[in-house]
Amino acid sequence: MGSLLDVTLDRLPLVLSLRQAAQYLGLSVVTLKRRIYEKKLKAYKDGGRWKIRREWILEYETNLLSECTA
């Protein structure tokens, strides 16, 4: 897979690794983990590795936008 920075949400894989999601969102892995622990972003562990579903990223982005406009 090439750079996720040029990929639109509908072309992302159904499930992303923590690093892929961080790259797409423009966040560090540490920040993304913090958002998961704060329950701001849904994620699950698969074999000890964090996985994030594509729709959860969309939900996270939508929540961020609604916080900015509130």
N, C-alpha and C. Protein backbone atom coordinates (compact mmCIF):
# COMPACT_ATOMS: atom_id res chain seq x y z
N MET A 1 0.85 -1.17 0.00
CA MET A 1 0.00 0.00 0.00
C MET A 1 0.89 1.23 0.00
N GLY A 2 0.52 2.25 -0.78
CA GLY A 2 1.28 3.49 -0.84
C GLY A 2 0.95 4.36 0.35
N SER A 3 1.23 5.63 0.19
CA SER A 3 0.96 6.59 1.26
C SER A 3 -0.53 6.74 1.49
N LEU A 4 -0.91 6.72 2.76
CA LEU A 4 -2.33 6.89 3.11
C LEU A 4 -2.75 8.35 3.05
N LEU A 5 -1.81 9.25 2.94
CA LEU A 5 -2.15 10.67 2.94
C LEU A 5 -2.95 11.06 1.71
N ASP A 6 -2.77 10.34 0.60
CA ASP A 6 -3.46 10.66 -0.64
C ASP A 6 -4.68 9.78 -0.86
N VAL A 7 -5.07 9.00 0.14
CA VAL A 7 -6.17 8.05 0.00
C VAL A 7 -7.43 8.64 0.63
N THR A 8 -8.54 8.55 -0.09
CA THR A 8 -9.80 9.00 0.48
C THR A 8 -10.34 7.91 1.40
N LEU A 9 -11.25 8.28 2.26
CA LEU A 9 -11.76 7.35 3.26
C LEU A 9 -12.35 6.10 2.63
N ASP A 10 -13.09 6.24 1.54
CA ASP A 10 -13.72 5.07 0.92
C ASP A 10 -12.71 4.11 0.28
N ARG A 11 -11.49 4.55 0.08
CA ARG A 11 -10.46 3.68 -0.49
C ARG A 11 -9.54 3.10 0.58
N LEU A 12 -9.77 3.44 1.83
CA LEU A 12 -8.99 2.85 2.92
C LEU A 12 -9.37 1.39 3.09
N PRO A 13 -8.47 0.58 3.63
CA PRO A 13 -8.84 -0.80 3.95
C PRO A 13 -9.97 -0.81 4.99
N LEU A 14 -10.72 -1.89 5.06
CA LEU A 14 -11.81 -2.00 6.03
C LEU A 14 -11.30 -1.92 7.46
N VAL A 15 -10.11 -2.47 7.70
CA VAL A 15 -9.50 -2.45 9.03
C VAL A 15 -8.07 -1.95 8.88
N LEU A 16 -7.72 -0.96 9.71
CA LEU A 16 -6.38 -0.37 9.64
C LEU A 16 -5.59 -0.70 10.90
N SER A 17 -4.29 -0.75 10.75
CA SER A 17 -3.42 -0.87 11.91
C SER A 17 -3.36 0.49 12.59
N LEU A 18 -2.83 0.51 13.77
CA LEU A 18 -2.68 1.77 14.50
C LEU A 18 -1.82 2.74 13.71
N ARG A 19 -0.74 2.25 13.13
CA ARG A 19 0.16 3.12 12.37
C ARG A 19 -0.53 3.66 11.12
N GLN A 20 -1.29 2.83 10.41
CA GLN A 20 -2.01 3.29 9.23
C GLN A 20 -3.02 4.37 9.58
N ALA A 21 -3.78 4.14 10.66
CA ALA A 21 -4.79 5.11 11.08
C ALA A 21 -4.13 6.42 11.50
N ALA A 22 -3.02 6.34 12.22
CA ALA A 22 -2.31 7.54 12.65
C ALA A 22 -1.81 8.33 11.43
N GLN A 23 -1.30 7.63 10.46
CA GLN A 23 -0.81 8.28 9.25
C GLN A 23 -1.96 8.96 8.51
N TYR A 24 -3.07 8.28 8.37
CA TYR A 24 -4.23 8.85 7.67
C TYR A 24 -4.74 10.09 8.40
N LEU A 25 -4.84 10.02 9.73
CA LEU A 25 -5.38 11.13 10.51
C LEU A 25 -4.36 12.25 10.76
N GLY A 26 -3.10 11.99 10.46
CA GLY A 26 -2.07 12.99 10.66
C GLY A 26 -1.71 13.16 12.13
N LEU A 27 -1.81 12.07 12.88
CA LEU A 27 -1.51 12.07 14.30
C LEU A 27 -0.35 11.12 14.57
N SER A 28 0.29 11.28 15.71
CA SER A 28 1.31 10.32 16.10
C SER A 28 0.62 9.07 16.65
N VAL A 29 1.34 7.98 16.65
CA VAL A 29 0.82 6.73 17.21
C VAL A 29 0.49 6.91 18.69
N VAL A 30 1.34 7.64 19.40
CA VAL A 30 1.12 7.88 20.83
C VAL A 30 -0.19 8.65 21.06
N THR A 31 -0.41 9.69 20.26
CA THR A 31 -1.64 10.47 20.38
C THR A 31 -2.85 9.60 20.07
N LEU A 32 -2.74 8.78 19.05
CA LEU A 32 -3.87 7.92 18.68
C LEU A 32 -4.17 6.91 19.79
N LYS A 33 -3.15 6.35 20.41
CA LYS A 33 -3.37 5.44 21.54
C LYS A 33 -4.07 6.16 22.68
N ARG A 34 -3.65 7.40 22.92
CA ARG A 34 -4.29 8.19 23.99
C ARG A 34 -5.77 8.39 23.68
N ARG A 35 -6.09 8.67 22.43
CA ARG A 35 -7.50 8.86 22.04
C ARG A 35 -8.29 7.56 22.22
N ILE A 36 -7.65 6.43 22.00
CA ILE A 36 -8.31 5.13 22.20
C ILE A 36 -8.57 4.91 23.69
N TYR A 37 -7.56 5.16 24.52
CA TYR A 37 -7.73 4.97 25.97
C TYR A 37 -8.73 5.95 26.56
N GLU A 38 -8.84 7.14 25.97
CA GLU A 38 -9.83 8.13 26.40
C GLU A 38 -11.22 7.83 25.86
N LYS A 39 -11.31 6.76 25.06
CA LYS A 39 -12.56 6.31 24.44
C LYS A 39 -13.13 7.35 23.46
N LYS A 40 -12.23 8.11 22.85
CA LYS A 40 -12.63 9.05 21.82
C LYS A 40 -12.62 8.38 20.45
N LEU A 41 -11.90 7.26 20.35
CA LEU A 41 -11.79 6.50 19.12
C LEU A 41 -11.95 5.02 19.44
N LYS A 42 -12.85 4.37 18.75
CA LYS A 42 -13.06 2.94 18.96
C LYS A 42 -11.92 2.16 18.31
N ALA A 43 -11.52 1.09 18.97
CA ALA A 43 -10.48 0.21 18.44
C ALA A 43 -10.55 -1.11 19.19
N TYR A 44 -9.90 -2.11 18.64
CA TYR A 44 -9.83 -3.40 19.32
C TYR A 44 -8.44 -3.99 19.10
N LYS A 45 -8.10 -4.93 19.95
CA LYS A 45 -6.80 -5.59 19.83
C LYS A 45 -7.00 -6.95 19.17
N ASP A 46 -6.11 -7.24 18.24
CA ASP A 46 -6.11 -8.52 17.54
C ASP A 46 -4.69 -9.06 17.66
N GLY A 47 -4.52 -10.06 18.51
CA GLY A 47 -3.19 -10.62 18.71
C GLY A 47 -2.22 -9.62 19.32
N GLY A 48 -2.73 -8.73 20.16
CA GLY A 48 -1.87 -7.75 20.81
C GLY A 48 -1.63 -6.48 20.02
N ARG A 49 -2.20 -6.40 18.82
CA ARG A 49 -2.03 -5.21 17.98
C ARG A 49 -3.37 -4.49 17.83
N TRP A 50 -3.32 -3.17 17.92
CA TRP A 50 -4.54 -2.38 17.78
C TRP A 50 -5.02 -2.39 16.34
N LYS A 51 -6.33 -2.51 16.17
CA LYS A 51 -6.97 -2.45 14.86
C LYS A 51 -8.13 -1.46 14.96
N ILE A 52 -8.32 -0.71 13.89
CA ILE A 52 -9.37 0.31 13.86
C ILE A 52 -10.15 0.15 12.57
N ARG A 53 -11.45 0.01 12.69
CA ARG A 53 -12.31 -0.13 11.52
C ARG A 53 -12.47 1.21 10.82
N ARG A 54 -12.59 1.16 9.51
CA ARG A 54 -12.71 2.37 8.69
C ARG A 54 -13.87 3.25 9.15
N GLU A 55 -15.01 2.67 9.47
CA GLU A 55 -16.18 3.48 9.88
C GLU A 55 -15.94 4.16 11.22
N TRP A 56 -15.09 3.57 12.08
CA TRP A 56 -14.77 4.21 13.36
C TRP A 56 -13.92 5.46 13.15
N ILE A 57 -13.08 5.44 12.11
CA ILE A 57 -12.30 6.64 11.79
C ILE A 57 -13.24 7.75 11.32
N LEU A 58 -14.20 7.40 10.48
CA LEU A 58 -15.18 8.38 10.03
C LEU A 58 -15.97 8.94 11.21
N GLU A 59 -16.37 8.08 12.12
CA GLU A 59 -17.10 8.51 13.33
C GLU A 59 -16.24 9.46 14.16
N TYR A 60 -14.97 9.14 14.32
CA TYR A 60 -14.04 9.98 15.07
C TYR A 60 -13.93 11.36 14.41
N GLU A 61 -13.75 11.39 13.10
CA GLU A 61 -13.63 12.67 12.39
C GLU A 61 -14.91 13.48 12.50
N THR A 62 -16.06 12.83 12.41
CA THR A 62 -17.35 13.51 12.55
C THR A 62 -17.49 14.12 13.93
N ASN A 63 -17.09 13.38 14.95
CA ASN A 63 -17.15 13.90 16.33
C ASN A 63 -16.23 15.10 16.51
N LEU A 64 -15.06 15.07 15.89
CA LEU A 64 -14.14 16.19 15.99
C LEU A 64 -14.75 17.44 15.35
N LEU A 65 -15.38 17.26 14.20
CA LEU A 65 -16.00 18.40 13.52
C LEU A 65 -17.15 18.98 14.33
N SER A 66 -17.94 18.11 14.94
CA SER A 66 -19.06 18.61 15.74
C SER A 66 -18.57 19.33 16.99
N GLU A 67 -17.43 18.92 17.56
CA GLU A 67 -16.85 19.62 18.71
C GLU A 67 -16.37 21.01 18.31
N CYS A 68 -15.85 21.12 17.10
CA CYS A 68 -15.33 22.41 16.62
C CYS A 68 -16.44 23.40 16.33
N THR A 69 -17.59 22.91 15.91
CA THR A 69 -18.70 23.80 15.55
C THR A 69 -19.62 24.07 16.72
N ALA A 70 -19.42 23.37 17.83
CA ALA A 70 -20.30 23.56 19.00
C ALA A 70 -19.93 24.79 19.80
